[in-house]
Amino acid sequence: MTKKIYIKGMTCDHCVRRVENSIKAIEGVSSVKVDLQGKVATVELSKDVKDEEFVRAIDDAGYEVARIE
């Protein structure tokens, strides 16, 4: 399963690493790739993860989720 998470507030590579690390810490995340230009994280999951967990992790990292597909 793949999810795309659109994120507001990222401006640099430091932001990308911060968001990637916050998402990787969620149980069930197999891999994550953040595209700074598109402001989107592509997340591969090994099990179902509720959208609220992504919102909370990204919020804790200091960014805002615009939407999840």
PDB file of N, CA and C in Angstrom:
ATOM      1  N   MET A   1       0.854  -1.180   0.000  1.00  0.00           N
ATOM      2  CA  MET A   1       0.000   0.000   0.000  1.00  0.00           C
ATOM      3  C   MET A   1       0.896   1.239   0.000  1.00  0.00           C
ATOM      4  N   THR A   2       0.507   2.227  -0.794  1.00  0.00           N
ATOM      5  CA  THR A   2       1.249   3.484  -0.882  1.00  0.00           C
ATOM      6  C   THR A   2       0.326   4.639  -0.547  1.00  0.00           C
ATOM      7  N   LYS A   3       0.854   5.595   0.217  1.00  0.00           N
ATOM      8  CA  LYS A   3       0.108   6.829   0.487  1.00  0.00           C
ATOM      9  C   LYS A   3       0.962   8.005   0.051  1.00  0.00           C
ATOM     10  N   LYS A   4       0.285   9.044  -0.409  1.00  0.00           N
ATOM     11  CA  LYS A   4       0.960  10.306  -0.720  1.00  0.00           C
ATOM     12  C   LYS A   4       0.468  11.334   0.288  1.00  0.00           C
ATOM     13  N   ILE A   5       1.424  11.973   0.966  1.00  0.00           N
ATOM     14  CA  ILE A   5       1.093  12.954   1.989  1.00  0.00           C
ATOM     15  C   ILE A   5       1.620  14.310   1.532  1.00  0.00           C
ATOM     16  N   TYR A   6       0.726  15.240   1.317  1.00  0.00           N
ATOM     17  CA  TYR A   6       1.105  16.590   0.898  1.00  0.00           C
ATOM     18  C   TYR A   6       1.322  17.431   2.146  1.00  0.00           C
ATOM     19  N   ILE A   7       2.482  18.095   2.202  1.00  0.00           N
ATOM     20  CA  ILE A   7       2.931  18.734   3.436  1.00  0.00           C
ATOM     21  C   ILE A   7       3.233  20.205   3.194  1.00  0.00           C
ATOM     22  N   LYS A   8       2.751  21.046   4.104  1.00  0.00           N
ATOM     23  CA  LYS A   8       3.021  22.484   4.039  1.00  0.00           C
ATOM     24  C   LYS A   8       4.178  22.821   4.974  1.00  0.00           C
ATOM     25  N   GLY A   9       4.977  23.810   4.582  1.00  0.00           N
ATOM     26  CA  GLY A   9       5.992  24.353   5.480  1.00  0.00           C
ATOM     27  C   GLY A   9       7.412  23.890   5.224  1.00  0.00           C
ATOM     28  N   MET A  10       7.630  22.923   4.335  1.00  0.00           N
ATOM     29  CA  MET A  10       8.990  22.456   4.065  1.00  0.00           C
ATOM     30  C   MET A  10       9.675  23.425   3.099  1.00  0.00           C
ATOM     31  N   THR A  11      10.921  23.807   3.452  1.00  0.00           N
ATOM     32  CA  THR A  11      11.629  24.773   2.608  1.00  0.00           C
ATOM     33  C   THR A  11      13.043  24.341   2.230  1.00  0.00           C
ATOM     34  N   CYS A  12      13.567  23.276   2.882  1.00  0.00           N
ATOM     35  CA  CYS A  12      14.972  22.939   2.644  1.00  0.00           C
ATOM     36  C   CYS A  12      15.208  21.447   2.887  1.00  0.00           C
ATOM     37  N   ASP A  13      16.464  21.008   2.635  1.00  0.00           N
ATOM     38  CA  ASP A  13      16.803  19.593   2.840  1.00  0.00           C
ATOM     39  C   ASP A  13      16.674  19.188   4.307  1.00  0.00           C
ATOM     40  N   HIS A  14      16.940  20.110   5.210  1.00  0.00           N
ATOM     41  CA  HIS A  14      16.778  19.816   6.638  1.00  0.00           C
ATOM     42  C   HIS A  14      15.316  19.452   6.923  1.00  0.00           C
ATOM     43  N   CYS A  15      14.398  20.191   6.337  1.00  0.00           N
ATOM     44  CA  CYS A  15      12.967  19.907   6.499  1.00  0.00           C
ATOM     45  C   CYS A  15      12.648  18.510   5.977  1.00  0.00           C
ATOM     46  N   VAL A  16      13.227  18.160   4.829  1.00  0.00           N
ATOM     47  CA  VAL A  16      12.984  16.854   4.224  1.00  0.00           C
ATOM     48  C   VAL A  16      13.428  15.744   5.172  1.00  0.00           C
ATOM     49  N   ARG A  17      14.638  15.862   5.708  1.00  0.00           N
ATOM     50  CA  ARG A  17      15.151  14.837   6.632  1.00  0.00           C
ATOM     51  C   ARG A  17      14.289  14.743   7.882  1.00  0.00           C
ATOM     52  N   ARG A  18      13.864  15.883   8.383  1.00  0.00           N
ATOM     53  CA  ARG A  18      13.034  15.904   9.587  1.00  0.00           C
ATOM     54  C   ARG A  18      11.701  15.178   9.350  1.00  0.00           C
ATOM     55  N   VAL A  19      11.072  15.471   8.217  1.00  0.00           N
ATOM     56  CA  VAL A  19       9.802  14.829   7.885  1.00  0.00           C
ATOM     57  C   VAL A  19      10.013  13.333   7.641  1.00  0.00           C
ATOM     58  N   GLU A  20      11.070  12.981   6.893  1.00  0.00           N
ATOM     59  CA  GLU A  20      11.334  11.557   6.633  1.00  0.00           C
ATOM     60  C   GLU A  20      11.541  10.795   7.938  1.00  0.00           C
ATOM     61  N   ASN A  21      12.321  11.358   8.837  1.00  0.00           N
ATOM     62  CA  ASN A  21      12.578  10.673  10.110  1.00  0.00           C
ATOM     63  C   ASN A  21      11.309  10.537  10.939  1.00  0.00           C
ATOM     64  N   SER A  22      10.450  11.541  10.921  1.00  0.00           N
ATOM     65  CA  SER A  22       9.216  11.461  11.715  1.00  0.00           C
ATOM     66  C   SER A  22       8.281  10.395  11.145  1.00  0.00           C
ATOM     67  N   ILE A  23       8.251  10.266   9.828  1.00  0.00           N
ATOM     68  CA  ILE A  23       7.380   9.258   9.208  1.00  0.00           C
ATOM     69  C   ILE A  23       7.968   7.859   9.389  1.00  0.00           C
ATOM     70  N   LYS A  24       9.290   7.728   9.243  1.00  0.00           N
ATOM     71  CA  LYS A  24       9.930   6.416   9.400  1.00  0.00           C
ATOM     72  C   LYS A  24       9.711   5.843  10.794  1.00  0.00           C
ATOM     73  N   ALA A  25       9.515   6.689  11.779  1.00  0.00           N
ATOM     74  CA  ALA A  25       9.342   6.232  13.161  1.00  0.00           C
ATOM     75  C   ALA A  25       7.986   5.568  13.385  1.00  0.00           C
ATOM     76  N   ILE A  26       7.064   5.700  12.440  1.00  0.00           N
ATOM     77  CA  ILE A  26       5.729   5.119  12.585  1.00  0.00           C
ATOM     78  C   ILE A  26       5.791   3.628  12.235  1.00  0.00           C
ATOM     79  N   GLU A  27       5.255   2.793  13.125  1.00  0.00           N
ATOM     80  CA  GLU A  27       5.230   1.356  12.887  1.00  0.00           C
ATOM     81  C   GLU A  27       4.358   1.047  11.671  1.00  0.00           C
ATOM     82  N   GLY A  28       4.896   0.238  10.775  1.00  0.00           N
ATOM     83  CA  GLY A  28       4.163  -0.123   9.573  1.00  0.00           C
ATOM     84  C   GLY A  28       4.671   0.593   8.338  1.00  0.00           C
ATOM     85  N   VAL A  29       5.562   1.573   8.516  1.00  0.00           N
ATOM     86  CA  VAL A  29       6.142   2.299   7.382  1.00  0.00           C
ATOM     87  C   VAL A  29       7.366   1.526   6.888  1.00  0.00           C
ATOM     88  N   SER A  30       7.333   1.104   5.629  1.00  0.00           N
ATOM     89  CA  SER A  30       8.451   0.370   5.041  1.00  0.00           C
ATOM     90  C   SER A  30       9.501   1.320   4.482  1.00  0.00           C
ATOM     91  N   SER A  31       9.033   2.366   3.804  1.00  0.00           N
ATOM     92  CA  SER A  31       9.959   3.346   3.254  1.00  0.00           C
ATOM     93  C   SER A  31       9.231   4.667   3.040  1.00  0.00           C
ATOM     94  N   VAL A  32      10.018   5.725   2.963  1.00  0.00           N
ATOM     95  CA  VAL A  32       9.445   7.049   2.719  1.00  0.00           C
ATOM     96  C   VAL A  32      10.416   7.852   1.863  1.00  0.00           C
ATOM     97  N   LYS A  33       9.856   8.571   0.908  1.00  0.00           N
ATOM     98  CA  LYS A  33      10.643   9.455   0.037  1.00  0.00           C
ATOM     99  C   LYS A  33       9.915  10.787  -0.019  1.00  0.00           C
ATOM    100  N   VAL A  34      10.618  11.851   0.353  1.00  0.00           N
ATOM    101  CA  VAL A  34      10.014  13.180   0.362  1.00  0.00           C
ATOM    102  C   VAL A  34      10.554  13.991  -0.806  1.00  0.00           C
ATOM    103  N   ASP A  35       9.645  14.554  -1.578  1.00  0.00           N
ATOM    104  CA  ASP A  35       9.984  15.421  -2.705  1.00  0.00           C
ATOM    105  C   ASP A  35       9.755  16.864  -2.268  1.00  0.00           C
ATOM    106  N   LEU A  36      10.856  17.599  -2.100  1.00  0.00           N
ATOM    107  CA  LEU A  36      10.756  18.978  -1.622  1.00  0.00           C
ATOM    108  C   LEU A  36      10.031  19.870  -2.628  1.00  0.00           C
ATOM    109  N   GLN A  37      10.324  19.703  -3.924  1.00  0.00           N
ATOM    110  CA  GLN A  37       9.685  20.544  -4.939  1.00  0.00           C
ATOM    111  C   GLN A  37       8.171  20.360  -4.953  1.00  0.00           C
ATOM    112  N   GLY A  38       7.739  19.088  -4.902  1.00  0.00           N
ATOM    113  CA  GLY A  38       6.313  18.789  -4.943  1.00  0.00           C
ATOM    114  C   GLY A  38       5.642  18.887  -3.587  1.00  0.00           C
ATOM    115  N   LYS A  39       6.476  19.027  -2.531  1.00  0.00           N
ATOM    116  CA  LYS A  39       5.958  19.093  -1.144  1.00  0.00           C
ATOM    117  C   LYS A  39       5.123  17.866  -0.812  1.00  0.00           C
ATOM    118  N   VAL A  40       5.631  16.693  -1.234  1.00  0.00           N
ATOM    119  CA  VAL A  40       4.873  15.460  -1.021  1.00  0.00           C
ATOM    120  C   VAL A  40       5.796  14.340  -0.541  1.00  0.00           C
ATOM    121  N   ALA A  41       5.265  13.559   0.393  1.00  0.00           N
ATOM    122  CA  ALA A  41       5.958  12.371   0.871  1.00  0.00           C
ATOM    123  C   ALA A  41       5.240  11.150   0.304  1.00  0.00           C
ATOM    124  N   THR A  42       6.010  10.254  -0.318  1.00  0.00           N
ATOM    125  CA  THR A  42       5.459   8.997  -0.804  1.00  0.00           C
ATOM    126  C   THR A  42       5.874   7.922   0.187  1.00  0.00           C
ATOM    127  N   VAL A  43       4.865   7.281   0.776  1.00  0.00           N
ATOM    128  CA  VAL A  43       5.105   6.350   1.871  1.00  0.00           C
ATOM    129  C   VAL A  43       4.640   4.956   1.473  1.00  0.00           C
ATOM    130  N   GLU A  44       5.538   3.980   1.614  1.00  0.00           N
ATOM    131  CA  GLU A  44       5.200   2.568   1.394  1.00  0.00           C
ATOM    132  C   GLU A  44       4.923   1.948   2.754  1.00  0.00           C
ATOM    133  N   LEU A  45       3.804   1.207   2.830  1.00  0.00           N
ATOM    134  CA  LEU A  45       3.379   0.632   4.112  1.00  0.00           C
ATOM    135  C   LEU A  45       3.389  -0.890   4.062  1.00  0.00           C
ATOM    136  N   SER A  46       3.785  -1.497   5.173  1.00  0.00           N
ATOM    137  CA  SER A  46       3.718  -2.959   5.298  1.00  0.00           C
ATOM    138  C   SER A  46       2.418  -3.379   5.976  1.00  0.00           C
ATOM    139  N   LYS A  47       1.731  -2.425   6.594  1.00  0.00           N
ATOM    140  CA  LYS A  47       0.418  -2.671   7.189  1.00  0.00           C
ATOM    141  C   LYS A  47      -0.352  -1.355   7.189  1.00  0.00           C
ATOM    142  N   ASP A  48      -1.641  -1.449   7.478  1.00  0.00           N
ATOM    143  CA  ASP A  48      -2.472  -0.246   7.456  1.00  0.00           C
ATOM    144  C   ASP A  48      -2.079   0.704   8.594  1.00  0.00           C
ATOM    145  N   VAL A  49      -1.935   1.968   8.271  1.00  0.00           N
ATOM    146  CA  VAL A  49      -1.627   3.009   9.258  1.00  0.00           C
ATOM    147  C   VAL A  49      -2.674   4.101   9.095  1.00  0.00           C
ATOM    148  N   LYS A  50      -3.276   4.502  10.209  1.00  0.00           N
ATOM    149  CA  LYS A  50      -4.308   5.541  10.151  1.00  0.00           C
ATOM    150  C   LYS A  50      -3.691   6.882   9.770  1.00  0.00           C
ATOM    151  N   ASP A  51      -4.453   7.652   8.997  1.00  0.00           N
ATOM    152  CA  ASP A  51      -3.982   8.969   8.567  1.00  0.00           C
ATOM    153  C   ASP A  51      -3.636   9.858   9.757  1.00  0.00           C
ATOM    154  N   GLU A  52      -4.368   9.685  10.857  1.00  0.00           N
ATOM    155  CA  GLU A  52      -4.139  10.519  12.042  1.00  0.00           C
ATOM    156  C   GLU A  52      -2.713  10.355  12.578  1.00  0.00           C
ATOM    157  N   GLU A  53      -2.147   9.164  12.415  1.00  0.00           N
ATOM    158  CA  GLU A  53      -0.777   8.937  12.894  1.00  0.00           C
ATOM    159  C   GLU A  53       0.218   9.759  12.078  1.00  0.00           C
ATOM    160  N   PHE A  54      -0.018   9.861  10.774  1.00  0.00           N
ATOM    161  CA  PHE A  54       0.859  10.686   9.938  1.00  0.00           C
ATOM    162  C   PHE A  54       0.701  12.160  10.298  1.00  0.00           C
ATOM    163  N   VAL A  55      -0.534  12.588  10.481  1.00  0.00           N
ATOM    164  CA  VAL A  55      -0.796  13.988  10.814  1.00  0.00           C
ATOM    165  C   VAL A  55      -0.092  14.355  12.119  1.00  0.00           C
ATOM    166  N   ARG A  56      -0.197  13.485  13.122  1.00  0.00           N
ATOM    167  CA  ARG A  56       0.413  13.757  14.426  1.00  0.00           C
ATOM    168  C   ARG A  56       1.939  13.794  14.310  1.00  0.00           C
ATOM    169  N   ALA A  57       2.535  12.834  13.616  1.00  0.00           N
ATOM    170  CA  ALA A  57       3.996  12.777  13.492  1.00  0.00           C
ATOM    171  C   ALA A  57       4.538  13.997  12.753  1.00  0.00           C
ATOM    172  N   ILE A  58       3.862  14.385  11.696  1.00  0.00           N
ATOM    173  CA  ILE A  58       4.339  15.526  10.902  1.00  0.00           C
ATOM    174  C   ILE A  58       4.112  16.831  11.661  1.00  0.00           C
ATOM    175  N   ASP A  59       3.008  16.913  12.378  1.00  0.00           N
ATOM    176  CA  ASP A  59       2.745  18.085  13.217  1.00  0.00           C
ATOM    177  C   ASP A  59       3.814  18.201  14.304  1.00  0.00           C
ATOM    178  N   ASP A  60       4.163  17.084  14.937  1.00  0.00           N
ATOM    179  CA  ASP A  60       5.196  17.089  15.979  1.00  0.00           C
ATOM    180  C   ASP A  60       6.549  17.524  15.417  1.00  0.00           C
ATOM    181  N   ALA A  61       6.789  17.252  14.131  1.00  0.00           N
ATOM    182  CA  ALA A  61       8.043  17.654  13.488  1.00  0.00           C
ATOM    183  C   ALA A  61       8.030  19.144  13.123  1.00  0.00           C
ATOM    184  N   GLY A  62       6.850  19.783  13.216  1.00  0.00           N
ATOM    185  CA  GLY A  62       6.770  21.223  12.961  1.00  0.00           C
ATOM    186  C   GLY A  62       6.192  21.604  11.614  1.00  0.00           C
ATOM    187  N   TYR A  63       5.525  20.641  10.954  1.00  0.00           N
ATOM    188  CA  TYR A  63       4.959  20.903   9.632  1.00  0.00           C
ATOM    189  C   TYR A  63       3.473  20.571   9.632  1.00  0.00           C
ATOM    190  N   GLU A  64       2.806  20.857   8.524  1.00  0.00           N
ATOM    191  CA  GLU A  64       1.360  20.663   8.465  1.00  0.00           C
ATOM    192  C   GLU A  64       0.991  19.784   7.265  1.00  0.00           C
ATOM    193  N   VAL A  65       0.107  18.842   7.502  1.00  0.00           N
ATOM    194  CA  VAL A  65      -0.386  17.992   6.423  1.00  0.00           C
ATOM    195  C   VAL A  65      -1.491  18.738   5.681  1.00  0.00           C
ATOM    196  N   ALA A  66      -1.331  18.882   4.364  1.00  0.00           N
ATOM    197  CA  ALA A  66      -2.362  19.523   3.547  1.00  0.00           C
ATOM    198  C   ALA A  66      -3.443  18.520   3.195  1.00  0.00           C
ATOM    199  N   ARG A  67      -3.001  17.318   2.773  1.00  0.00           N
ATOM    200  CA  ARG A  67      -3.952  16.242   2.480  1.00  0.00           C
ATOM    201  C   ARG A  67      -3.192  14.929   2.324  1.00  0.00           C
ATOM    202  N   ILE A  68      -3.954  13.834   2.428  1.00  0.00           N
ATOM    203  CA  ILE A  68      -3.381  12.490   2.270  1.00  0.00           C
ATOM    204  C   ILE A  68      -4.204  11.754   1.228  1.00  0.00           C
ATOM    205  N   GLU A  69      -3.506  11.153   0.286  1.00  0.00           N
ATOM    206  CA  GLU A  69      -4.192  10.366  -0.760  1.00  0.00           C
ATOM    207  C   GLU A  69      -3.767   8.925  -0.664  1.00  0.00           C
TER     208      GLU A  69
END
